[in-house]
Amino acid sequence: MSLWENIAHDIAAATGITAHLQQQGAIGGGCINEASRIRYGDSDYFVKLNNARQADMFAAEAAGLEALRHCRELKIPAPVCHGNDAQSAWLVMEYLPLGGRGNARALGEGLAAMHRITQARYGWVRDNTIGSTPQINTPGDDWVGFWRELRLRFQLDLAARHGFGGRLQSQGERLLDSFQHLFDGYTPVASLLHGDLWSGNHAWTQAGEPAIFDPAVYFGDREADIAMTELFGGFGGGFYSAYEDAWPLDPGYRTRKTLYNLYHILNHLNLFGGGYLGQAQGMIDSLLSNLR
């Protein structure tokens, strides 16, 4: 069978509906996967495609979407099915008609409600990816150790393998040895996190509902999600004031947000190259200056 015949077969198995699949065309905007809108029977679906080696990445994303859908205050696309053949992997999900105008306060209130979904331990039931980089989510009780080993050290070690050594590594090691002091008097609850919440991963539906998608889910400090909303453009003042009204942030967030965003800048360094090296080094220097 062809790729699209295989996808149609999976949709039929998931929905119990046998119908004709019509490709509606490619959708731009992603730098990791190809994306298309399709029509199957009377419904539209959003399809992500990558090579067959990424089948587990799509399985983890589907599980993440299901986890986020426990939050009723935000619109999350429902996963329909995922699979692969010898060449390609796919993830089929509900198509959300986006492009409407919404209230940024509703997004802030919705995210605070999502962060109220908690569990006892940090991490998640499975590993996933941040972009296309593996993201290890082994559950644990020590948030500082989780962030040190499974987030920052993982990315720094990967950067070393990519040839980014020298000062990045030496200063990075200094930071790993000392950043626990940024958590003096602060122990975060393990909140349900989107995990990759930059401005391109939220929108409003045509009905004005706040929507989020493309997650890298795990349970951790809610500050990590809020920090990333500030990294590439921000979400607007109404969003932040609504979130603070619903669940105020600890004063130490203003410093810790750099620690959380360092993870994403190191990941961009590993994914896209040396254009992010200076920014990563500058963030490490800034954090170390706050630890003197």
C-alpha atoms as a PDB file:
ATOM      1  CA  MET A   1       0.000   0.000   0.000  1.00  0.00           C
ATOM      2  CA  SER A   2       1.031   3.613  -0.512  1.00  0.00           C
ATOM      3  CA  LEU A   3       1.731   5.991   2.373  1.00  0.00           C
ATOM      4  CA  TRP A   4      -1.717   7.575   2.213  1.00  0.00           C
ATOM      5  CA  GLU A   5      -3.436   4.208   1.893  1.00  0.00           C
ATOM      6  CA  ASN A   6      -1.665   3.128   5.082  1.00  0.00           C
ATOM      7  CA  ILE A   7      -2.749   6.312   6.840  1.00  0.00           C
ATOM      8  CA  ALA A   8      -6.342   5.819   5.667  1.00  0.00           C
ATOM      9  CA  HIS A   9      -6.232   2.251   6.980  1.00  0.00           C
ATOM     10  CA  ASP A  10      -5.083   3.512  10.401  1.00  0.00           C
ATOM     11  CA  ILE A  11      -7.795   6.193  10.540  1.00  0.00           C
ATOM     12  CA  ALA A  12     -10.418   3.581   9.673  1.00  0.00           C
ATOM     13  CA  ALA A  13      -9.165   1.302  12.450  1.00  0.00           C
ATOM     14  CA  ALA A  14      -9.190   4.168  14.982  1.00  0.00           C
ATOM     15  CA  THR A  15     -12.562   5.657  14.069  1.00  0.00           C
ATOM     16  CA  GLY A  16     -14.515   2.671  12.746  1.00  0.00           C
ATOM     17  CA  ILE A  17     -15.291   4.668   9.614  1.00  0.00           C
ATOM     18  CA  THR A  18     -14.362   3.514   6.118  1.00  0.00           C
ATOM     19  CA  ALA A  19     -14.154   6.448   3.724  1.00  0.00           C
ATOM     20  CA  HIS A  20     -12.108   8.063   0.990  1.00  0.00           C
ATOM     21  CA  LEU A  21      -9.039  10.103   1.983  1.00  0.00           C
ATOM     22  CA  GLN A  22      -8.476  13.389   0.177  1.00  0.00           C
ATOM     23  CA  GLN A  23      -5.238  15.336   0.539  1.00  0.00           C
ATOM     24  CA  GLN A  24      -5.966  19.024   1.092  1.00  0.00           C
ATOM     25  CA  GLY A  25      -2.363  20.205   0.777  1.00  0.00           C
ATOM     26  CA  ALA A  26       0.776  20.792   2.784  1.00  0.00           C
ATOM     27  CA  ILE A  27       0.804  23.122   5.789  1.00  0.00           C
ATOM     28  CA  GLY A  28       3.934  25.133   6.506  1.00  0.00           C
ATOM     29  CA  GLY A  29       5.452  26.355   9.740  1.00  0.00           C
ATOM     30  CA  GLY A  30       7.363  23.372  11.126  1.00  0.00           C
ATOM     31  CA  CYS A  31      11.121  22.807  10.985  1.00  0.00           C
ATOM     32  CA  ILE A  32      11.145  19.170  12.191  1.00  0.00           C
ATOM     33  CA  ASN A  33       8.191  17.477  10.470  1.00  0.00           C
ATOM     34  CA  GLU A  34       6.175  17.782   7.295  1.00  0.00           C
ATOM     35  CA  ALA A  35       2.505  18.560   7.856  1.00  0.00           C
ATOM     36  CA  SER A  36      -0.631  18.172   5.785  1.00  0.00           C
ATOM     37  CA  ARG A  37      -4.342  18.710   6.082  1.00  0.00           C
ATOM     38  CA  ILE A  38      -6.476  15.841   4.838  1.00  0.00           C
ATOM     39  CA  ARG A  39     -10.178  15.086   4.576  1.00  0.00           C
ATOM     40  CA  TYR A  40     -11.386  11.614   5.460  1.00  0.00           C
ATOM     41  CA  GLY A  41     -15.105  11.098   5.104  1.00  0.00           C
ATOM     42  CA  ASP A  42     -16.817  14.114   6.652  1.00  0.00           C
ATOM     43  CA  SER A  43     -13.879  15.130   8.884  1.00  0.00           C
ATOM     44  CA  ASP A  44     -10.664  17.074   8.461  1.00  0.00           C
ATOM     45  CA  TYR A  45      -7.445  15.851  10.076  1.00  0.00           C
ATOM     46  CA  PHE A  46      -3.967  17.231  10.614  1.00  0.00           C
ATOM     47  CA  VAL A  47      -1.153  14.824   9.698  1.00  0.00           C
ATOM     48  CA  LYS A  48       2.499  15.040  10.696  1.00  0.00           C
ATOM     49  CA  LEU A  49       5.047  13.069   8.669  1.00  0.00           C
ATOM     50  CA  ASN A  50       8.664  12.153   9.230  1.00  0.00           C
ATOM     51  CA  ASN A  51      10.933   9.228   8.421  1.00  0.00           C
ATOM     52  CA  ALA A  52      10.143   5.807   9.866  1.00  0.00           C
ATOM     53  CA  ARG A  53      12.807   6.158  12.568  1.00  0.00           C
ATOM     54  CA  GLN A  54      10.643   8.818  14.235  1.00  0.00           C
ATOM     55  CA  ALA A  55       7.675   6.520  14.908  1.00  0.00           C
ATOM     56  CA  ASP A  56       8.327   6.552  18.654  1.00  0.00           C
ATOM     57  CA  MET A  57       8.530  10.363  18.641  1.00  0.00           C
ATOM     58  CA  PHE A  58       4.989  10.475  17.266  1.00  0.00           C
ATOM     59  CA  ALA A  59       3.772   7.834  19.725  1.00  0.00           C
ATOM     60  CA  ALA A  60       5.108   9.977  22.587  1.00  0.00           C
ATOM     61  CA  GLU A  61       3.518  13.116  21.168  1.00  0.00           C
ATOM     62  CA  ALA A  62       0.158  11.366  20.930  1.00  0.00           C
ATOM     63  CA  ALA A  63       0.460  10.329  24.589  1.00  0.00           C
ATOM     64  CA  GLY A  64       1.384  13.895  25.505  1.00  0.00           C
ATOM     65  CA  LEU A  65      -1.665  15.316  23.757  1.00  0.00           C
ATOM     66  CA  GLU A  66      -3.872  12.864  25.645  1.00  0.00           C
ATOM     67  CA  ALA A  67      -2.310  13.993  28.924  1.00  0.00           C
ATOM     68  CA  LEU A  68      -2.867  17.684  28.136  1.00  0.00           C
ATOM     69  CA  ARG A  69      -6.499  17.041  27.243  1.00  0.00           C
ATOM     70  CA  HIS A  70      -7.209  16.505  30.937  1.00  0.00           C
ATOM     71  CA  CYS A  71      -7.203  20.307  31.048  1.00  0.00           C
ATOM     72  CA  ARG A  72     -10.653  21.397  29.853  1.00  0.00           C
ATOM     73  CA  GLU A  73      -9.846  25.116  29.858  1.00  0.00           C
ATOM     74  CA  LEU A  74      -7.570  24.864  26.797  1.00  0.00           C
ATOM     75  CA  LYS A  75      -8.263  23.467  23.353  1.00  0.00           C
ATOM     76  CA  ILE A  76      -5.910  20.550  22.650  1.00  0.00           C
ATOM     77  CA  PRO A  77      -6.080  18.590  19.364  1.00  0.00           C
ATOM     78  CA  ALA A  78      -7.153  14.996  19.961  1.00  0.00           C
ATOM     79  CA  PRO A  79      -4.732  12.374  18.633  1.00  0.00           C
ATOM     80  CA  VAL A  80      -6.446   9.920  16.297  1.00  0.00           C
ATOM     81  CA  CYS A  81      -3.744   7.415  15.352  1.00  0.00           C
ATOM     82  CA  HIS A  82      -0.040   7.052  14.676  1.00  0.00           C
ATOM     83  CA  GLY A  83       2.001   4.485  12.801  1.00  0.00           C
ATOM     84  CA  ASN A  84       4.724   3.834  10.285  1.00  0.00           C
ATOM     85  CA  ASP A  85       5.712   1.824   7.243  1.00  0.00           C
ATOM     86  CA  ALA A  86       9.207   1.057   5.972  1.00  0.00           C
ATOM     87  CA  GLN A  87       9.864   4.647   4.893  1.00  0.00           C
ATOM     88  CA  SER A  88       7.625   7.009   6.854  1.00  0.00           C
ATOM     89  CA  ALA A  89       6.061   7.632  10.252  1.00  0.00           C
ATOM     90  CA  TRP A  90       2.859   9.588  10.823  1.00  0.00           C
ATOM     91  CA  LEU A  91       0.698  11.126  13.486  1.00  0.00           C
ATOM     92  CA  VAL A  92      -2.934  11.922  12.700  1.00  0.00           C
ATOM     93  CA  MET A  93      -4.837  14.282  14.952  1.00  0.00           C
ATOM     94  CA  GLU A  94      -7.949  16.391  15.063  1.00  0.00           C
ATOM     95  CA  TYR A  95      -7.776  19.391  12.745  1.00  0.00           C
ATOM     96  CA  LEU A  96      -8.342  22.604  14.682  1.00  0.00           C
ATOM     97  CA  PRO A  97      -9.586  25.541  12.583  1.00  0.00           C
ATOM     98  CA  LEU A  98      -7.191  28.193  13.839  1.00  0.00           C
ATOM     99  CA  GLY A  99      -6.809  31.853  13.011  1.00  0.00           C
ATOM    100  CA  GLY A 100      -9.393  33.465  15.235  1.00  0.00           C
ATOM    101  CA  ARG A 101      -8.861  36.259  17.738  1.00  0.00           C
ATOM    102  CA  GLY A 102      -8.944  35.403  21.402  1.00  0.00           C
ATOM    103  CA  ASN A 103      -8.445  36.829  24.861  1.00  0.00           C
ATOM    104  CA  ALA A 104      -4.886  36.469  26.148  1.00  0.00           C
ATOM    105  CA  ARG A 105      -6.270  36.335  29.681  1.00  0.00           C
ATOM    106  CA  ALA A 106      -8.159  33.144  28.832  1.00  0.00           C
ATOM    107  CA  LEU A 107      -4.869  31.563  27.755  1.00  0.00           C
ATOM    108  CA  GLY A 108      -3.186  32.593  31.012  1.00  0.00           C
ATOM    109  CA  GLU A 109      -6.066  31.289  33.108  1.00  0.00           C
ATOM    110  CA  GLY A 110      -6.145  28.065  31.097  1.00  0.00           C
ATOM    111  CA  LEU A 111      -2.428  27.449  31.528  1.00  0.00           C
ATOM    112  CA  ALA A 112      -2.679  28.018  35.268  1.00  0.00           C
ATOM    113  CA  ALA A 113      -5.496  25.455  35.371  1.00  0.00           C
ATOM    114  CA  MET A 114      -3.346  22.988  33.428  1.00  0.00           C
ATOM    115  CA  HIS A 115      -0.471  23.498  35.862  1.00  0.00           C
ATOM    116  CA  ARG A 116      -2.856  22.656  38.716  1.00  0.00           C
ATOM    117  CA  ILE A 117      -2.832  19.080  37.380  1.00  0.00           C
ATOM    118  CA  THR A 118      -0.035  17.560  39.455  1.00  0.00           C
ATOM    119  CA  GLN A 119       1.535  14.276  40.446  1.00  0.00           C
ATOM    120  CA  ALA A 120       3.870  13.197  43.236  1.00  0.00           C
ATOM    121  CA  ARG A 121       7.093  12.894  41.187  1.00  0.00           C
ATOM    122  CA  TYR A 122       8.888  14.909  38.533  1.00  0.00           C
ATOM    123  CA  GLY A 123       9.248  13.412  35.052  1.00  0.00           C
ATOM    124  CA  TRP A 124       6.785  11.295  33.113  1.00  0.00           C
ATOM    125  CA  VAL A 125       5.808   7.730  32.305  1.00  0.00           C
ATOM    126  CA  ARG A 126       7.857   7.787  29.098  1.00  0.00           C
ATOM    127  CA  ASP A 127      10.639   9.654  27.340  1.00  0.00           C
ATOM    128  CA  ASN A 128       9.810  11.922  24.418  1.00  0.00           C
ATOM    129  CA  THR A 129      11.539  14.592  22.332  1.00  0.00           C
ATOM    130  CA  ILE A 130      12.169  18.324  22.437  1.00  0.00           C
ATOM    131  CA  GLY A 131      12.175  19.165  18.754  1.00  0.00           C
ATOM    132  CA  SER A 132      13.867  16.033  17.467  1.00  0.00           C
ATOM    133  CA  THR A 133      16.262  15.751  20.429  1.00  0.00           C
ATOM    134  CA  PRO A 134      15.601  12.958  22.930  1.00  0.00           C
ATOM    135  CA  GLN A 135      14.107  14.236  26.182  1.00  0.00           C
ATOM    136  CA  ILE A 136      14.615  11.871  29.116  1.00  0.00           C
ATOM    137  CA  ASN A 137      11.804  11.889  31.672  1.00  0.00           C
ATOM    138  CA  THR A 138      12.859   9.261  34.221  1.00  0.00           C
ATOM    139  CA  PRO A 139      10.674   9.988  37.281  1.00  0.00           C
ATOM    140  CA  GLY A 140      12.351  11.287  40.421  1.00  0.00           C
ATOM    141  CA  ASP A 141      11.761  13.137  43.691  1.00  0.00           C
ATOM    142  CA  ASP A 142      14.599  15.685  43.372  1.00  0.00           C
ATOM    143  CA  TRP A 143      13.751  18.541  41.020  1.00  0.00           C
ATOM    144  CA  VAL A 144      17.204  20.142  41.148  1.00  0.00           C
ATOM    145  CA  GLY A 145      18.818  16.798  40.285  1.00  0.00           C
ATOM    146  CA  PHE A 146      16.271  16.202  37.523  1.00  0.00           C
ATOM    147  CA  TRP A 147      17.025  19.559  35.906  1.00  0.00           C
ATOM    148  CA  ARG A 148      20.780  19.185  36.371  1.00  0.00           C
ATOM    149  CA  GLU A 149      21.141  15.675  34.950  1.00  0.00           C
ATOM    150  CA  LEU A 150      18.240  15.103  32.544  1.00  0.00           C
ATOM    151  CA  ARG A 151      17.987  18.595  31.137  1.00  0.00           C
ATOM    152  CA  LEU A 152      21.177  20.705  31.335  1.00  0.00           C
ATOM    153  CA  ARG A 153      23.865  18.016  31.567  1.00  0.00           C
ATOM    154  CA  PHE A 154      22.186  16.022  28.814  1.00  0.00           C
ATOM    155  CA  GLN A 155      22.280  19.038  26.482  1.00  0.00           C
ATOM    156  CA  LEU A 156      25.818  20.044  27.457  1.00  0.00           C
ATOM    157  CA  ASP A 157      27.086  16.507  26.815  1.00  0.00           C
ATOM    158  CA  LEU A 158      25.346  16.511  23.441  1.00  0.00           C
ATOM    159  CA  ALA A 159      26.903  19.897  22.635  1.00  0.00           C
ATOM    160  CA  ALA A 160      30.353  18.488  23.446  1.00  0.00           C
ATOM    161  CA  ARG A 161      29.728  15.616  21.025  1.00  0.00           C
ATOM    162  CA  HIS A 162      28.797  18.211  18.393  1.00  0.00           C
ATOM    163  CA  GLY A 163      32.121  19.995  18.897  1.00  0.00           C
ATOM    164  CA  PHE A 164      31.030  22.784  21.246  1.00  0.00           C
ATOM    165  CA  GLY A 165      33.640  22.441  23.983  1.00  0.00           C
ATOM    166  CA  GLY A 166      35.905  24.948  25.681  1.00  0.00           C
ATOM    167  CA  ARG A 167      34.314  27.720  27.684  1.00  0.00           C
ATOM    168  CA  LEU A 168      30.763  26.441  27.190  1.00  0.00           C
ATOM    169  CA  GLN A 169      31.702  23.216  28.926  1.00  0.00           C
ATOM    170  CA  SER A 170      33.892  24.670  31.669  1.00  0.00           C
ATOM    171  CA  GLN A 171      31.396  27.356  32.633  1.00  0.00           C
ATOM    172  CA  GLY A 172      28.557  24.903  32.178  1.00  0.00           C
ATOM    173  CA  GLU A 173      30.146  22.563  34.708  1.00  0.00           C
ATOM    174  CA  ARG A 174      30.502  25.444  37.161  1.00  0.00           C
ATOM    175  CA  LEU A 175      26.799  26.151  36.766  1.00  0.00           C
ATOM    176  CA  LEU A 176      25.831  22.490  37.249  1.00  0.00           C
ATOM    177  CA  ASP A 177      27.802  22.449  40.495  1.00  0.00           C
ATOM    178  CA  SER A 178      26.196  25.553  41.941  1.00  0.00           C
ATOM    179  CA  PHE A 179      22.751  26.352  40.550  1.00  0.00           C
ATOM    180  CA  GLN A 180      20.963  24.534  43.389  1.00  0.00           C
ATOM    181  CA  HIS A 181      21.302  27.767  45.376  1.00  0.00           C
ATOM    182  CA  LEU A 182      18.736  29.329  43.047  1.00  0.00           C
ATOM    183  CA  PHE A 183      16.210  26.998  44.717  1.00  0.00           C
ATOM    184  CA  ASP A 184      16.925  27.940  48.319  1.00  0.00           C
ATOM    185  CA  GLY A 185      13.536  28.173  50.028  1.00  0.00           C
ATOM    186  CA  TYR A 186      11.662  27.031  46.909  1.00  0.00           C
ATOM    187  CA  THR A 187      10.449  23.506  46.142  1.00  0.00           C
ATOM    188  CA  PRO A 188       8.135  23.357  43.110  1.00  0.00           C
ATOM    189  CA  VAL A 189       5.180  21.030  42.814  1.00  0.00           C
ATOM    190  CA  ALA A 190       5.264  18.610  39.881  1.00  0.00           C
ATOM    191  CA  SER A 191       2.840  20.288  37.467  1.00  0.00           C
ATOM    192  CA  LEU A 192       1.699  19.006  34.101  1.00  0.00           C
ATOM    193  CA  LEU A 193       3.836  20.931  31.586  1.00  0.00           C
ATOM    194  CA  HIS A 194       3.487  21.515  27.874  1.00  0.00           C
ATOM    195  CA  GLY A 195       7.284  21.479  27.755  1.00  0.00           C
ATOM    196  CA  ASP A 196       7.835  23.473  24.530  1.00  0.00           C
ATOM    197  CA  LEU A 197       5.553  26.451  24.995  1.00  0.00           C
ATOM    198  CA  TRP A 198       6.927  29.115  22.671  1.00  0.00           C
ATOM    199  CA  SER A 199       4.693  31.509  20.768  1.00  0.00           C
ATOM    200  CA  GLY A 200       4.477  29.253  17.696  1.00  0.00           C
ATOM    201  CA  ASN A 201       2.843  26.469  19.710  1.00  0.00           C
ATOM    202  CA  HIS A 202      -0.267  28.362  20.718  1.00  0.00           C
ATOM    203  CA  ALA A 203      -3.083  30.023  18.796  1.00  0.00           C
ATOM    204  CA  TRP A 204      -6.774  30.744  18.962  1.00  0.00           C
ATOM    205  CA  THR A 205      -9.426  28.749  17.183  1.00  0.00           C
ATOM    206  CA  GLN A 206     -11.813  30.533  14.871  1.00  0.00           C
ATOM    207  CA  ALA A 207     -14.263  30.415  17.785  1.00  0.00           C
ATOM    208  CA  GLY A 208     -11.751  32.322  19.948  1.00  0.00           C
ATOM    209  CA  GLU A 209     -10.695  29.410  22.161  1.00  0.00           C
ATOM    210  CA  PRO A 210      -7.069  29.336  23.412  1.00  0.00           C
ATOM    211  CA  ALA A 211      -5.283  26.333  21.886  1.00  0.00           C
ATOM    212  CA  ILE A 212      -1.884  24.751  22.485  1.00  0.00           C
ATOM    213  CA  PHE A 213      -0.198  21.960  20.533  1.00  0.00           C
ATOM    214  CA  ASP A 214       3.173  20.349  19.621  1.00  0.00           C
ATOM    215  CA  PRO A 215       3.987  19.407  23.231  1.00  0.00           C
ATOM    216  CA  ALA A 216       7.027  17.867  24.917  1.00  0.00           C
ATOM    217  CA  VAL A 217       5.097  16.808  28.014  1.00  0.00           C
ATOM    218  CA  TYR A 218       6.431  15.997  31.471  1.00  0.00           C
ATOM    219  CA  PHE A 219       5.684  16.951  35.091  1.00  0.00           C
ATOM    220  CA  GLY A 220       7.911  19.627  36.594  1.00  0.00           C
ATOM    221  CA  ASP A 221       8.207  23.214  37.801  1.00  0.00           C
ATOM    222  CA  ARG A 222       5.504  25.331  36.166  1.00  0.00           C
ATOM    223  CA  GLU A 223       8.068  28.130  35.927  1.00  0.00           C
ATOM    224  CA  ALA A 224       9.726  26.175  33.093  1.00  0.00           C
ATOM    225  CA  ASP A 225       6.623  26.621  30.911  1.00  0.00           C
ATOM    226  CA  ILE A 226       6.214  30.288  31.813  1.00  0.00           C
ATOM    227  CA  ALA A 227       9.901  30.937  31.133  1.00  0.00           C
ATOM    228  CA  MET A 228       9.683  29.577  27.616  1.00  0.00           C
ATOM    229  CA  THR A 229       6.694  31.799  26.826  1.00  0.00           C
ATOM    230  CA  GLU A 230       9.111  34.710  27.268  1.00  0.00           C
ATOM    231  CA  LEU A 231      11.918  33.261  25.143  1.00  0.00           C
ATOM    232  CA  PHE A 232      10.785  33.883  21.556  1.00  0.00           C
ATOM    233  CA  GLY A 233       8.526  36.897  21.504  1.00  0.00           C
ATOM    234  CA  GLY A 234       6.309  36.561  24.561  1.00  0.00           C
ATOM    235  CA  PHE A 235       2.568  36.018  24.937  1.00  0.00           C
ATOM    236  CA  GLY A 236       1.390  39.521  25.788  1.00  0.00           C
ATOM    237  CA  GLY A 237       0.691  41.316  29.044  1.00  0.00           C
ATOM    238  CA  GLY A 238      -2.854  40.031  29.451  1.00  0.00           C
ATOM    239  CA  PHE A 239      -1.591  36.460  29.507  1.00  0.00           C
ATOM    240  CA  TYR A 240       0.938  37.095  32.285  1.00  0.00           C
ATOM    241  CA  SER A 241      -1.367  39.170  34.473  1.00  0.00           C
ATOM    242  CA  ALA A 242      -4.102  36.520  34.212  1.00  0.00           C
ATOM    243  CA  TYR A 243      -1.675  33.749  35.118  1.00  0.00           C
ATOM    244  CA  GLU A 244      -0.370  35.721  38.103  1.00  0.00           C
ATOM    245  CA  ASP A 245      -3.926  36.420  39.261  1.00  0.00           C
ATOM    246  CA  ALA A 246      -4.741  32.717  39.073  1.00  0.00           C
ATOM    247  CA  TRP A 247      -1.492  31.426  40.628  1.00  0.00           C
ATOM    248  CA  PRO A 248       1.223  33.947  41.523  1.00  0.00           C
ATOM    249  CA  LEU A 249       4.820  33.054  40.710  1.00  0.00           C
ATOM    250  CA  ASP A 250       7.570  32.915  43.321  1.00  0.00           C
ATOM    251  CA  PRO A 251       9.841  36.015  43.338  1.00  0.00           C
ATOM    252  CA  GLY A 252      12.845  33.850  42.441  1.00  0.00           C
ATOM    253  CA  TYR A 253      11.314  33.158  39.030  1.00  0.00           C
ATOM    254  CA  ARG A 254      12.928  36.272  37.569  1.00  0.00           C
ATOM    255  CA  THR A 255      16.355  34.624  37.950  1.00  0.00           C
ATOM    256  CA  ARG A 256      15.378  30.993  37.474  1.00  0.00           C
ATOM    257  CA  LYS A 257      13.717  31.689  34.125  1.00  0.00           C
ATOM    258  CA  THR A 258      17.190  32.061  32.584  1.00  0.00           C
ATOM    259  CA  LEU A 259      18.130  28.647  33.958  1.00  0.00           C
ATOM    260  CA  TYR A 260      15.026  27.109  32.385  1.00  0.00           C
ATOM    261  CA  ASN A 261      15.460  28.836  29.038  1.00  0.00           C
ATOM    262  CA  LEU A 262      19.111  27.787  28.885  1.00  0.00           C
ATOM    263  CA  TYR A 263      17.834  24.251  28.248  1.00  0.00           C
ATOM    264  CA  HIS A 264      16.023  25.391  25.115  1.00  0.00           C
ATOM    265  CA  ILE A 265      18.898  27.517  23.835  1.00  0.00           C
ATOM    266  CA  LEU A 266      21.295  24.588  24.286  1.00  0.00           C
ATOM    267  CA  ASN A 267      18.816  22.429  22.410  1.00  0.00           C
ATOM    268  CA  HIS A 268      18.708  24.977  19.589  1.00  0.00           C
ATOM    269  CA  LEU A 269      22.507  24.941  19.566  1.00  0.00           C
ATOM    270  CA  ASN A 270      22.422  21.166  19.170  1.00  0.00           C
ATOM    271  CA  LEU A 271      19.702  21.193  16.533  1.00  0.00           C
ATOM    272  CA  PHE A 272      20.625  24.231  14.446  1.00  0.00           C
ATOM    273  CA  GLY A 273      24.283  25.011  15.086  1.00  0.00           C
ATOM    274  CA  GLY A 274      26.684  27.606  16.404  1.00  0.00           C
ATOM    275  CA  GLY A 275      24.457  30.645  15.949  1.00  0.00           C
ATOM    276  CA  TYR A 276      23.146  29.921  19.451  1.00  0.00           C
ATOM    277  CA  LEU A 277      26.550  29.460  21.101  1.00  0.00           C
ATOM    278  CA  GLY A 278      27.035  33.075  22.199  1.00  0.00           C
ATOM    279  CA  GLN A 279      23.509  33.245  23.637  1.00  0.00           C
ATOM    280  CA  ALA A 280      24.046  30.028  25.612  1.00  0.00           C
ATOM    281  CA  GLN A 281      27.368  31.245  26.999  1.00  0.00           C
ATOM    282  CA  GLY A 282      25.867  34.606  27.926  1.00  0.00           C
ATOM    283  CA  MET A 283      23.015  32.932  29.822  1.00  0.00           C
ATOM    284  CA  ILE A 284      25.461  30.764  31.756  1.00  0.00           C
ATOM    285  CA  ASP A 285      27.573  33.822  32.633  1.00  0.00           C
ATOM    286  CA  SER A 286      24.474  35.688  33.807  1.00  0.00           C
ATOM    287  CA  LEU A 287      23.415  32.803  36.036  1.00  0.00           C
ATOM    288  CA  LEU A 288      26.894  32.437  37.520  1.00  0.00           C
ATOM    289  CA  SER A 289      26.974  36.145  38.308  1.00  0.00           C
ATOM    290  CA  ASN A 290      23.789  35.683  40.365  1.00  0.00           C
ATOM    291  CA  LEU A 291      25.442  32.886  42.328  1.00  0.00           C
ATOM    292  CA  ARG A 292      28.488  34.850  43.527  1.00  0.00           C
END
